[in-house]
Amino acid sequence: MALTDEFTRIKTFIKVVGAGSFSAAARDVSSISSVARQVKSLEDDLGVRLLNRSTRSLSLTDVGRCFYERAKAITNDLSIAEAEVRSLHDGVRGHLSVSLRVAAGTTVIMPALPQLLAQYPDLSLDITLSDERRDLIANEIDVAVWLGEPPNADIVARRLSPSCRIVCASQGYLERRGIPRAPQDLRRHECLVHSTLPYCDRWSFTREGQHKEVEVRGGVRSDNSMVLLSSAVAGLGLVIVQQWMVGPLIAAGRIQRVLGEWTVSPRQGDAALYAVYPTSRGLSRKVRVFVDFLLETFGAPGGRGLNVASPRH
């Protein structure tokens, strides 16, 4: 069997383990039957069973786990070698696999992409939107945007934006209902509530040692921050969102900040936004360019992407 075919089967096996099923691994590469055949062919050549299969799940056998760790190390070394060779070229070119959080991707990153691709026309992107922390190596992801720091030293993290939540509403809504001047004013406003968060009906604020907690209500609730933000832009009420989500919307005049003199109290689960990439792959030029693009787009450590001035009173 050709060496390229051998590595294709090994990479498919690694992808199956990382994805957790043949169907998940087949989404980006081929059919489920093709993926299953490649893994079975690998097992036949090795003369061992690598995976325990059931109707609902896959799990590694003991020998499969050993082979998986070794195979991952080998493919990592190959990725490093490829990145080092490509980085010797003067131009930024080639394919980049990117995984972005849904809100960050749709509200901030995607609108800024034309400028990056105009500057580097030989760079192509495969973009996945997901709020899950997908295995970067198993899924062959070059760069990802995650909420919170990575759990281990195998991943390099660059902070794009701190966690900072603010209250916003559309100008049309504020013209109809008035601008809240203090937290207690929220009681007479439509407040868009994130239904899965703890104490979602109680919004808390601090200012100069003062603490205010207000019970709020409104006509729209959702477990999705993008739904709530879209509802606010449509004039349905006030919303609490991460500051980085609304920088472009505020700059465009589609939404504005209120209660800017008050700080929205942190809650459990608040976390900064990070650009991450695998340590094992080294920092190729195209990865460096994309990470720098993310840092500039979000204004890290405090640039144009985070301009969210309060309205004038």
C-alpha atoms as a PDB file:
ATOM      1  CA  MET A   1       0.000   0.000   0.000  1.00  0.00           C
ATOM      2  CA  ALA A   2       1.286   3.493  -0.868  1.00  0.00           C
ATOM      3  CA  LEU A   3       2.645   5.612   1.975  1.00  0.00           C
ATOM      4  CA  THR A   4       0.091   8.356   1.284  1.00  0.00           C
ATOM      5  CA  ASP A   5      -2.764   5.853   1.606  1.00  0.00           C
ATOM      6  CA  GLU A   6      -1.334   4.622   4.894  1.00  0.00           C
ATOM      7  CA  PHE A   7      -1.244   8.125   6.353  1.00  0.00           C
ATOM      8  CA  THR A   8      -4.740   8.829   5.037  1.00  0.00           C
ATOM      9  CA  ARG A   9      -6.089   5.845   6.976  1.00  0.00           C
ATOM     10  CA  ILE A  10      -4.209   6.857  10.117  1.00  0.00           C
ATOM     11  CA  LYS A  11      -5.492  10.441   9.894  1.00  0.00           C
ATOM     12  CA  THR A  12      -9.022   9.132   9.379  1.00  0.00           C
ATOM     13  CA  PHE A  13      -8.680   6.955  12.497  1.00  0.00           C
ATOM     14  CA  ILE A  14      -7.482   9.964  14.534  1.00  0.00           C
ATOM     15  CA  LYS A  15     -10.394  12.022  13.224  1.00  0.00           C
ATOM     16  CA  VAL A  16     -12.901   9.309  14.195  1.00  0.00           C
ATOM     17  CA  VAL A  17     -11.520   9.159  17.745  1.00  0.00           C
ATOM     18  CA  GLY A  18     -11.609  12.944  18.077  1.00  0.00           C
ATOM     19  CA  ALA A  19     -15.124  13.223  16.646  1.00  0.00           C
ATOM     20  CA  GLY A  20     -16.485  10.314  18.685  1.00  0.00           C
ATOM     21  CA  SER A  21     -18.283   8.574  15.812  1.00  0.00           C
ATOM     22  CA  PHE A  22     -17.947   7.571  12.166  1.00  0.00           C
ATOM     23  CA  SER A  23     -20.803   9.875  11.154  1.00  0.00           C
ATOM     24  CA  ALA A  24     -19.276  12.943  12.848  1.00  0.00           C
ATOM     25  CA  ALA A  25     -15.874  12.217  11.295  1.00  0.00           C
ATOM     26  CA  ALA A  26     -17.451  11.817   7.848  1.00  0.00           C
ATOM     27  CA  ARG A  27     -19.084  15.258   7.797  1.00  0.00           C
ATOM     28  CA  ASP A  28     -16.058  17.016   6.360  1.00  0.00           C
ATOM     29  CA  VAL A  29     -14.232  14.224   4.540  1.00  0.00           C
ATOM     30  CA  SER A  30     -16.410  11.568   2.884  1.00  0.00           C
ATOM     31  CA  SER A  31     -19.224   9.090   3.451  1.00  0.00           C
ATOM     32  CA  ILE A  32     -19.710   7.143   6.680  1.00  0.00           C
ATOM     33  CA  SER A  33     -19.075   3.855   4.869  1.00  0.00           C
ATOM     34  CA  SER A  34     -15.797   5.154   3.422  1.00  0.00           C
ATOM     35  CA  VAL A  35     -14.575   6.259   6.850  1.00  0.00           C
ATOM     36  CA  ALA A  36     -15.575   2.934   8.415  1.00  0.00           C
ATOM     37  CA  ARG A  37     -13.814   0.999   5.626  1.00  0.00           C
ATOM     38  CA  GLN A  38     -10.590   2.943   6.119  1.00  0.00           C
ATOM     39  CA  VAL A  39     -10.537   2.226   9.855  1.00  0.00           C
ATOM     40  CA  LYS A  40     -11.402  -1.459   9.273  1.00  0.00           C
ATOM     41  CA  SER A  41      -8.639  -1.715   6.661  1.00  0.00           C
ATOM     42  CA  LEU A  42      -6.162  -0.217   9.130  1.00  0.00           C
ATOM     43  CA  GLU A  43      -7.224  -2.723  11.793  1.00  0.00           C
ATOM     44  CA  ASP A  44      -6.897  -5.615   9.327  1.00  0.00           C
ATOM     45  CA  ASP A  45      -3.369  -4.613   8.330  1.00  0.00           C
ATOM     46  CA  LEU A  46      -2.327  -4.215  11.972  1.00  0.00           C
ATOM     47  CA  GLY A  47      -4.045  -7.435  12.956  1.00  0.00           C
ATOM     48  CA  VAL A  48      -5.703  -5.853  16.009  1.00  0.00           C
ATOM     49  CA  ARG A  49      -8.991  -4.215  16.962  1.00  0.00           C
ATOM     50  CA  LEU A  50      -8.474  -0.492  17.602  1.00  0.00           C
ATOM     51  CA  LEU A  51     -12.078   0.459  18.400  1.00  0.00           C
ATOM     52  CA  ASN A  52     -14.895  -1.106  20.361  1.00  0.00           C
ATOM     53  CA  ARG A  53     -18.077  -0.533  18.372  1.00  0.00           C
ATOM     54  CA  SER A  54     -21.660  -0.451  19.560  1.00  0.00           C
ATOM     55  CA  THR A  55     -24.853   0.926  18.057  1.00  0.00           C
ATOM     56  CA  ARG A  56     -24.536   4.092  20.138  1.00  0.00           C
ATOM     57  CA  SER A  57     -20.853   4.749  20.753  1.00  0.00           C
ATOM     58  CA  LEU A  58     -17.215   4.053  19.966  1.00  0.00           C
ATOM     59  CA  SER A  59     -14.403   3.540  22.450  1.00  0.00           C
ATOM     60  CA  LEU A  60     -10.706   2.787  22.153  1.00  0.00           C
ATOM     61  CA  THR A  61      -9.370  -0.637  23.028  1.00  0.00           C
ATOM     62  CA  ASP A  62      -6.193  -0.720  25.131  1.00  0.00           C
ATOM     63  CA  VAL A  63      -4.047  -1.313  22.068  1.00  0.00           C
ATOM     64  CA  GLY A  64      -6.114   1.259  20.185  1.00  0.00           C
ATOM     65  CA  ARG A  65      -5.364   3.878  22.809  1.00  0.00           C
ATOM     66  CA  CYS A  66      -1.634   3.179  22.545  1.00  0.00           C
ATOM     67  CA  PHE A  67      -1.754   3.371  18.747  1.00  0.00           C
ATOM     68  CA  TYR A  68      -3.830   6.577  18.872  1.00  0.00           C
ATOM     69  CA  GLU A  69      -1.301   8.398  21.079  1.00  0.00           C
ATOM     70  CA  ARG A  70       1.626   7.301  18.889  1.00  0.00           C
ATOM     71  CA  ALA A  71      -0.195   8.099  15.666  1.00  0.00           C
ATOM     72  CA  LYS A  72      -1.194  11.539  16.919  1.00  0.00           C
ATOM     73  CA  ALA A  73       2.439  12.318  17.780  1.00  0.00           C
ATOM     74  CA  ILE A  74       3.560  11.253  14.303  1.00  0.00           C
ATOM     75  CA  THR A  75       0.939  13.327  12.498  1.00  0.00           C
ATOM     76  CA  ASN A  76       1.779  16.297  14.725  1.00  0.00           C
ATOM     77  CA  ASP A  77       5.435  16.027  13.697  1.00  0.00           C
ATOM     78  CA  LEU A  78       4.392  15.920  10.048  1.00  0.00           C
ATOM     79  CA  SER A  79       2.240  19.024  10.542  1.00  0.00           C
ATOM     80  CA  ILE A  80       5.179  20.857  12.125  1.00  0.00           C
ATOM     81  CA  ALA A  81       7.440  19.872   9.226  1.00  0.00           C
ATOM     82  CA  GLU A  82       4.855  21.033   6.697  1.00  0.00           C
ATOM     83  CA  ALA A  83       4.349  24.343   8.526  1.00  0.00           C
ATOM     84  CA  GLU A  84       8.096  24.970   8.689  1.00  0.00           C
ATOM     85  CA  VAL A  85       8.523  24.296   4.975  1.00  0.00           C
ATOM     86  CA  ARG A  86       5.599  26.526   4.034  1.00  0.00           C
ATOM     87  CA  SER A  87       6.807  29.313   6.327  1.00  0.00           C
ATOM     88  CA  LEU A  88       9.992  29.555   4.250  1.00  0.00           C
ATOM     89  CA  HIS A  89       7.953  31.031   1.395  1.00  0.00           C
ATOM     90  CA  ASP A  90       7.763  34.810   1.291  1.00  0.00           C
ATOM     91  CA  GLY A  91       4.037  35.012   0.615  1.00  0.00           C
ATOM     92  CA  VAL A  92       1.151  34.061   2.897  1.00  0.00           C
ATOM     93  CA  ARG A  93      -0.641  31.328   0.992  1.00  0.00           C
ATOM     94  CA  GLY A  94      -2.402  28.050   1.427  1.00  0.00           C
ATOM     95  CA  HIS A  95      -5.368  26.671   3.317  1.00  0.00           C
ATOM     96  CA  LEU A  96      -6.319  27.555   6.903  1.00  0.00           C
ATOM     97  CA  SER A  97      -8.920  25.648   8.929  1.00  0.00           C
ATOM     98  CA  VAL A  98     -10.612  27.952  11.441  1.00  0.00           C
ATOM     99  CA  SER A  99     -13.206  27.269  14.161  1.00  0.00           C
ATOM    100  CA  LEU A 100     -15.033  30.335  15.510  1.00  0.00           C
ATOM    101  CA  ARG A 101     -17.563  30.835  18.262  1.00  0.00           C
ATOM    102  CA  VAL A 102     -20.922  31.670  16.695  1.00  0.00           C
ATOM    103  CA  ALA A 103     -21.375  35.154  18.182  1.00  0.00           C
ATOM    104  CA  ALA A 104     -17.759  36.219  17.683  1.00  0.00           C
ATOM    105  CA  GLY A 105     -17.716  34.896  14.142  1.00  0.00           C
ATOM    106  CA  THR A 106     -20.961  36.439  12.947  1.00  0.00           C
ATOM    107  CA  THR A 107     -20.819  39.822  14.687  1.00  0.00           C
ATOM    108  CA  VAL A 108     -17.117  40.703  14.634  1.00  0.00           C
ATOM    109  CA  ILE A 109     -14.867  38.436  12.571  1.00  0.00           C
ATOM    110  CA  MET A 110     -16.841  37.764   9.378  1.00  0.00           C
ATOM    111  CA  PRO A 111     -17.500  41.469   8.641  1.00  0.00           C
ATOM    112  CA  ALA A 112     -13.737  42.112   8.854  1.00  0.00           C
ATOM    113  CA  LEU A 113     -12.654  39.181   6.651  1.00  0.00           C
ATOM    114  CA  PRO A 114     -12.798  40.972   3.268  1.00  0.00           C
ATOM    115  CA  GLN A 115      -9.923  43.226   4.319  1.00  0.00           C
ATOM    116  CA  LEU A 116      -7.763  40.234   5.316  1.00  0.00           C
ATOM    117  CA  LEU A 117      -8.451  38.290   2.124  1.00  0.00           C
ATOM    118  CA  ALA A 118      -7.877  41.360  -0.030  1.00  0.00           C
ATOM    119  CA  GLN A 119      -4.448  41.720   1.569  1.00  0.00           C
ATOM    120  CA  TYR A 120      -3.638  38.003   1.213  1.00  0.00           C
ATOM    121  CA  PRO A 121      -5.427  36.744  -1.935  1.00  0.00           C
ATOM    122  CA  ASP A 122      -3.549  33.421  -1.907  1.00  0.00           C
ATOM    123  CA  LEU A 123      -4.937  32.530   1.529  1.00  0.00           C
ATOM    124  CA  SER A 124      -8.061  30.338   1.641  1.00  0.00           C
ATOM    125  CA  LEU A 125     -10.194  29.681   4.735  1.00  0.00           C
ATOM    126  CA  ASP A 126     -12.381  26.776   5.823  1.00  0.00           C
ATOM    127  CA  ILE A 127     -14.567  28.293   8.566  1.00  0.00           C
ATOM    128  CA  THR A 128     -16.636  26.358  11.096  1.00  0.00           C
ATOM    129  CA  LEU A 129     -18.986  28.104  13.526  1.00  0.00           C
ATOM    130  CA  SER A 130     -19.283  26.225  16.814  1.00  0.00           C
ATOM    131  CA  ASP A 131     -19.433  27.077  20.510  1.00  0.00           C
ATOM    132  CA  GLU A 132     -17.904  23.686  21.343  1.00  0.00           C
ATOM    133  CA  ARG A 133     -14.216  23.311  22.139  1.00  0.00           C
ATOM    134  CA  ARG A 134     -13.359  20.901  19.357  1.00  0.00           C
ATOM    135  CA  ASP A 135     -10.114  18.904  19.509  1.00  0.00           C
ATOM    136  CA  LEU A 136      -7.745  21.013  17.405  1.00  0.00           C
ATOM    137  CA  ILE A 137      -5.443  18.160  16.385  1.00  0.00           C
ATOM    138  CA  ALA A 138      -8.060  15.476  15.723  1.00  0.00           C
ATOM    139  CA  ASN A 139     -10.171  17.914  13.685  1.00  0.00           C
ATOM    140  CA  GLU A 140      -7.146  19.453  11.945  1.00  0.00           C
ATOM    141  CA  ILE A 141      -8.030  22.965  13.111  1.00  0.00           C
ATOM    142  CA  ASP A 142      -5.276  25.554  12.674  1.00  0.00           C
ATOM    143  CA  VAL A 143      -6.821  28.392  14.707  1.00  0.00           C
ATOM    144  CA  ALA A 144      -9.895  28.590  16.924  1.00  0.00           C
ATOM    145  CA  VAL A 145     -11.675  31.236  18.977  1.00  0.00           C
ATOM    146  CA  TRP A 146     -12.647  29.940  22.424  1.00  0.00           C
ATOM    147  CA  LEU A 147     -14.351  31.352  25.478  1.00  0.00           C
ATOM    148  CA  GLY A 148     -11.996  30.908  28.430  1.00  0.00           C
ATOM    149  CA  GLU A 149      -8.382  29.797  28.664  1.00  0.00           C
ATOM    150  CA  PRO A 150      -7.381  26.381  27.279  1.00  0.00           C
ATOM    151  CA  PRO A 151      -7.141  23.575  29.837  1.00  0.00           C
ATOM    152  CA  ASN A 152      -3.535  22.533  29.123  1.00  0.00           C
ATOM    153  CA  ALA A 153      -0.149  23.660  27.870  1.00  0.00           C
ATOM    154  CA  ASP A 154      -0.557  21.903  24.504  1.00  0.00           C
ATOM    155  CA  ILE A 155      -2.460  24.942  23.231  1.00  0.00           C
ATOM    156  CA  VAL A 156      -1.199  28.504  22.802  1.00  0.00           C
ATOM    157  CA  ALA A 157      -3.756  31.175  23.758  1.00  0.00           C
ATOM    158  CA  ARG A 158      -3.833  34.897  22.914  1.00  0.00           C
ATOM    159  CA  ARG A 159      -6.482  36.956  24.672  1.00  0.00           C
ATOM    160  CA  LEU A 160      -8.728  38.849  22.274  1.00  0.00           C
ATOM    161  CA  SER A 161     -11.074  40.529  24.741  1.00  0.00           C
ATOM    162  CA  PRO A 162     -11.771  40.449  28.479  1.00  0.00           C
ATOM    163  CA  SER A 163     -15.198  39.561  29.820  1.00  0.00           C
ATOM    164  CA  CYS A 164     -17.133  42.808  30.104  1.00  0.00           C
ATOM    165  CA  ARG A 165     -20.927  42.877  29.829  1.00  0.00           C
ATOM    166  CA  ILE A 166     -22.903  46.013  29.050  1.00  0.00           C
ATOM    167  CA  VAL A 167     -26.561  47.028  28.632  1.00  0.00           C
ATOM    168  CA  CYS A 168     -27.716  48.043  25.149  1.00  0.00           C
ATOM    169  CA  ALA A 169     -30.859  48.922  23.208  1.00  0.00           C
ATOM    170  CA  SER A 170     -31.781  50.309  19.807  1.00  0.00           C
ATOM    171  CA  GLN A 171     -32.286  54.036  19.367  1.00  0.00           C
ATOM    172  CA  GLY A 172     -35.877  53.404  18.287  1.00  0.00           C
ATOM    173  CA  TYR A 173     -36.679  51.557  21.506  1.00  0.00           C
ATOM    174  CA  LEU A 174     -35.079  54.275  23.656  1.00  0.00           C
ATOM    175  CA  GLU A 175     -37.027  56.982  21.825  1.00  0.00           C
ATOM    176  CA  ARG A 176     -40.273  55.141  22.558  1.00  0.00           C
ATOM    177  CA  ARG A 177     -39.607  54.050  26.123  1.00  0.00           C
ATOM    178  CA  GLY A 178     -36.988  56.489  27.381  1.00  0.00           C
ATOM    179  CA  ILE A 179     -33.381  55.983  28.486  1.00  0.00           C
ATOM    180  CA  PRO A 180     -32.919  54.261  31.866  1.00  0.00           C
ATOM    181  CA  ARG A 181     -30.759  56.458  34.125  1.00  0.00           C
ATOM    182  CA  ALA A 182     -30.382  54.039  37.040  1.00  0.00           C
ATOM    183  CA  PRO A 183     -30.789  50.260  37.531  1.00  0.00           C
ATOM    184  CA  GLN A 184     -34.180  50.651  39.235  1.00  0.00           C
ATOM    185  CA  ASP A 185     -35.540  52.213  36.019  1.00  0.00           C
ATOM    186  CA  LEU A 186     -35.278  48.777  34.393  1.00  0.00           C
ATOM    187  CA  ARG A 187     -38.444  47.680  36.208  1.00  0.00           C
ATOM    188  CA  ARG A 188     -40.547  49.664  33.721  1.00  0.00           C
ATOM    189  CA  HIS A 189     -38.647  48.454  30.647  1.00  0.00           C
ATOM    190  CA  GLU A 190     -38.742  45.422  28.387  1.00  0.00           C
ATOM    191  CA  CYS A 191     -35.652  43.373  29.293  1.00  0.00           C
ATOM    192  CA  LEU A 192     -34.492  40.536  27.050  1.00  0.00           C
ATOM    193  CA  VAL A 193     -33.493  37.621  29.273  1.00  0.00           C
ATOM    194  CA  HIS A 194     -31.017  34.785  28.666  1.00  0.00           C
ATOM    195  CA  SER A 195     -33.105  31.886  29.937  1.00  0.00           C
ATOM    196  CA  THR A 196     -30.333  29.395  30.775  1.00  0.00           C
ATOM    197  CA  LEU A 197     -28.185  31.644  32.951  1.00  0.00           C
ATOM    198  CA  PRO A 198     -28.413  31.540  36.763  1.00  0.00           C
ATOM    199  CA  TYR A 199     -30.544  34.343  38.245  1.00  0.00           C
ATOM    200  CA  CYS A 200     -31.469  35.379  34.691  1.00  0.00           C
ATOM    201  CA  ASP A 201     -34.403  37.502  35.920  1.00  0.00           C
ATOM    202  CA  ARG A 202     -32.170  39.516  38.255  1.00  0.00           C
ATOM    203  CA  TRP A 203     -29.732  41.997  36.781  1.00  0.00           C
ATOM    204  CA  SER A 204     -27.000  43.191  39.155  1.00  0.00           C
ATOM    205  CA  PHE A 205     -24.886  46.345  38.957  1.00  0.00           C
ATOM    206  CA  THR A 206     -22.142  48.077  40.941  1.00  0.00           C
ATOM    207  CA  ARG A 207     -20.880  51.669  41.059  1.00  0.00           C
ATOM    208  CA  GLU A 208     -18.435  53.210  43.523  1.00  0.00           C
ATOM    209  CA  GLY A 209     -19.119  50.603  46.175  1.00  0.00           C
ATOM    210  CA  GLN A 210     -22.893  50.582  45.638  1.00  0.00           C
ATOM    211  CA  HIS A 211     -24.636  47.359  44.660  1.00  0.00           C
ATOM    212  CA  LYS A 212     -28.045  47.272  42.984  1.00  0.00           C
ATOM    213  CA  GLU A 213     -30.033  44.186  41.990  1.00  0.00           C
ATOM    214  CA  VAL A 214     -33.200  44.556  39.940  1.00  0.00           C
ATOM    215  CA  GLU A 215     -35.831  41.977  39.038  1.00  0.00           C
ATOM    216  CA  VAL A 216     -36.560  42.369  35.321  1.00  0.00           C
ATOM    217  CA  ARG A 217     -39.088  41.031  32.856  1.00  0.00           C
ATOM    218  CA  GLY A 218     -39.799  41.218  29.149  1.00  0.00           C
ATOM    219  CA  GLY A 219     -41.596  39.678  26.224  1.00  0.00           C
ATOM    220  CA  VAL A 220     -38.631  37.756  24.772  1.00  0.00           C
ATOM    221  CA  ARG A 221     -36.524  35.070  26.448  1.00  0.00           C
ATOM    222  CA  SER A 222     -33.970  32.837  24.750  1.00  0.00           C
ATOM    223  CA  ASP A 223     -31.083  30.484  25.438  1.00  0.00           C
ATOM    224  CA  ASN A 224     -29.131  32.101  22.585  1.00  0.00           C
ATOM    225  CA  SER A 225     -27.302  35.416  22.928  1.00  0.00           C
ATOM    226  CA  MET A 226     -27.512  36.107  19.185  1.00  0.00           C
ATOM    227  CA  VAL A 227     -31.315  35.833  19.302  1.00  0.00           C
ATOM    228  CA  LEU A 228     -31.412  38.319  22.174  1.00  0.00           C
ATOM    229  CA  LEU A 229     -29.042  40.723  20.430  1.00  0.00           C
ATOM    230  CA  SER A 230     -31.078  40.562  17.211  1.00  0.00           C
ATOM    231  CA  SER A 231     -34.213  41.247  19.252  1.00  0.00           C
ATOM    232  CA  ALA A 232     -32.579  44.311  20.795  1.00  0.00           C
ATOM    233  CA  VAL A 233     -31.489  45.612  17.382  1.00  0.00           C
ATOM    234  CA  ALA A 234     -35.098  45.132  16.221  1.00  0.00           C
ATOM    235  CA  GLY A 235     -36.285  47.399  19.042  1.00  0.00           C
ATOM    236  CA  LEU A 236     -37.818  44.780  21.335  1.00  0.00           C
ATOM    237  CA  GLY A 237     -36.020  45.803  24.511  1.00  0.00           C
ATOM    238  CA  LEU A 238     -32.831  46.112  26.544  1.00  0.00           C
ATOM    239  CA  VAL A 239     -30.208  43.369  26.537  1.00  0.00           C
ATOM    240  CA  ILE A 240     -27.037  42.527  28.464  1.00  0.00           C
ATOM    241  CA  VAL A 241     -24.293  41.380  26.094  1.00  0.00           C
ATOM    242  CA  GLN A 242     -20.534  41.011  26.001  1.00  0.00           C
ATOM    243  CA  GLN A 243     -18.891  44.266  24.985  1.00  0.00           C
ATOM    244  CA  TRP A 244     -17.039  42.702  22.054  1.00  0.00           C
ATOM    245  CA  MET A 245     -20.337  41.575  20.492  1.00  0.00           C
ATOM    246  CA  VAL A 246     -21.665  45.081  19.897  1.00  0.00           C
ATOM    247  CA  GLY A 247     -18.652  47.219  18.952  1.00  0.00           C
ATOM    248  CA  PRO A 248     -19.469  47.213  15.204  1.00  0.00           C
ATOM    249  CA  LEU A 249     -23.210  47.667  15.870  1.00  0.00           C
ATOM    250  CA  ILE A 250     -22.584  50.692  18.076  1.00  0.00           C
ATOM    251  CA  ALA A 251     -20.186  52.175  15.524  1.00  0.00           C
ATOM    252  CA  ALA A 252     -22.892  51.759  12.859  1.00  0.00           C
ATOM    253  CA  GLY A 253     -25.547  53.382  15.070  1.00  0.00           C
ATOM    254  CA  ARG A 254     -27.743  50.278  15.120  1.00  0.00           C
ATOM    255  CA  ILE A 255     -27.603  49.978  18.900  1.00  0.00           C
ATOM    256  CA  GLN A 256     -26.362  52.102  21.794  1.00  0.00           C
ATOM    257  CA  ARG A 257     -25.145  51.565  25.313  1.00  0.00           C
ATOM    258  CA  VAL A 258     -27.099  52.668  28.395  1.00  0.00           C
ATOM    259  CA  LEU A 259     -26.289  52.721  32.117  1.00  0.00           C
ATOM    260  CA  GLY A 260     -22.654  53.248  31.162  1.00  0.00           C
ATOM    261  CA  GLU A 261     -21.834  54.649  34.610  1.00  0.00           C
ATOM    262  CA  TRP A 262     -22.763  51.296  36.166  1.00  0.00           C
ATOM    263  CA  THR A 263     -20.795  48.046  35.897  1.00  0.00           C
ATOM    264  CA  VAL A 264     -22.749  44.881  35.193  1.00  0.00           C
ATOM    265  CA  SER A 265     -21.785  42.500  37.987  1.00  0.00           C
ATOM    266  CA  PRO A 266     -19.766  39.439  36.911  1.00  0.00           C
ATOM    267  CA  ARG A 267     -21.551  36.116  36.952  1.00  0.00           C
ATOM    268  CA  GLN A 268     -20.438  32.513  37.108  1.00  0.00           C
ATOM    269  CA  GLY A 269     -19.183  31.391  33.723  1.00  0.00           C
ATOM    270  CA  ASP A 270     -17.979  34.809  32.549  1.00  0.00           C
ATOM    271  CA  ALA A 271     -14.730  34.372  30.659  1.00  0.00           C
ATOM    272  CA  ALA A 272     -12.420  36.209  28.297  1.00  0.00           C
ATOM    273  CA  LEU A 273     -12.286  35.451  24.571  1.00  0.00           C
ATOM    274  CA  TYR A 274      -9.115  33.785  23.219  1.00  0.00           C
ATOM    275  CA  ALA A 275      -7.511  32.900  19.908  1.00  0.00           C
ATOM    276  CA  VAL A 276      -5.935  29.452  20.276  1.00  0.00           C
ATOM    277  CA  TYR A 277      -3.750  27.169  18.167  1.00  0.00           C
ATOM    278  CA  PRO A 278      -1.893  23.888  18.841  1.00  0.00           C
ATOM    279  CA  THR A 279       1.600  24.180  20.304  1.00  0.00           C
ATOM    280  CA  SER A 280       2.682  21.050  18.449  1.00  0.00           C
ATOM    281  CA  ARG A 281       2.138  22.524  14.996  1.00  0.00           C
ATOM    282  CA  GLY A 282       4.412  25.488  15.439  1.00  0.00           C
ATOM    283  CA  LEU A 283       3.483  29.004  14.361  1.00  0.00           C
ATOM    284  CA  SER A 284       3.375  29.085  10.573  1.00  0.00           C
ATOM    285  CA  ARG A 285       3.254  32.418   8.819  1.00  0.00           C
ATOM    286  CA  LYS A 286      -0.386  32.033   7.788  1.00  0.00           C
ATOM    287  CA  VAL A 287      -1.410  31.200  11.381  1.00  0.00           C
ATOM    288  CA  ARG A 288       0.541  34.204  12.654  1.00  0.00           C
ATOM    289  CA  VAL A 289      -1.175  36.455  10.106  1.00  0.00           C
ATOM    290  CA  PHE A 290      -4.637  35.201  11.068  1.00  0.00           C
ATOM    291  CA  VAL A 291      -4.009  35.512  14.815  1.00  0.00           C
ATOM    292  CA  ASP A 292      -2.693  39.048  14.292  1.00  0.00           C
ATOM    293  CA  PHE A 293      -5.829  39.797  12.267  1.00  0.00           C
ATOM    294  CA  LEU A 294      -8.003  38.597  15.178  1.00  0.00           C
ATOM    295  CA  LEU A 295      -6.056  40.691  17.689  1.00  0.00           C
ATOM    296  CA  GLU A 296      -6.421  43.785  15.512  1.00  0.00           C
ATOM    297  CA  THR A 297     -10.098  43.148  14.779  1.00  0.00           C
ATOM    298  CA  PHE A 298     -10.986  42.863  18.466  1.00  0.00           C
ATOM    299  CA  GLY A 299      -8.785  45.822  19.304  1.00  0.00           C
ATOM    300  CA  ALA A 300      -6.660  43.790  21.729  1.00  0.00           C
ATOM    301  CA  PRO A 301      -5.424  44.978  24.120  1.00  0.00           C
ATOM    302  CA  GLY A 302      -7.731  47.972  23.674  1.00  0.00           C
ATOM    303  CA  GLY A 303      -8.194  49.131  20.116  1.00  0.00           C
ATOM    304  CA  ARG A 304     -10.891  50.115  17.704  1.00  0.00           C
ATOM    305  CA  GLY A 305     -13.061  47.023  18.062  1.00  0.00           C
ATOM    306  CA  LEU A 306     -14.076  47.850  21.634  1.00  0.00           C
ATOM    307  CA  ASN A 307     -15.285  51.434  21.310  1.00  0.00           C
ATOM    308  CA  VAL A 308     -18.613  51.373  23.149  1.00  0.00           C
ATOM    309  CA  ALA A 309     -19.119  54.866  24.480  1.00  0.00           C
ATOM    310  CA  SER A 310     -22.277  55.612  26.431  1.00  0.00           C
ATOM    311  CA  PRO A 311     -24.914  57.878  24.901  1.00  0.00           C
ATOM    312  CA  ARG A 312     -24.835  61.556  25.770  1.00  0.00           C
ATOM    313  CA  HIS A 313     -27.472  62.689  28.230  1.00  0.00           C
END
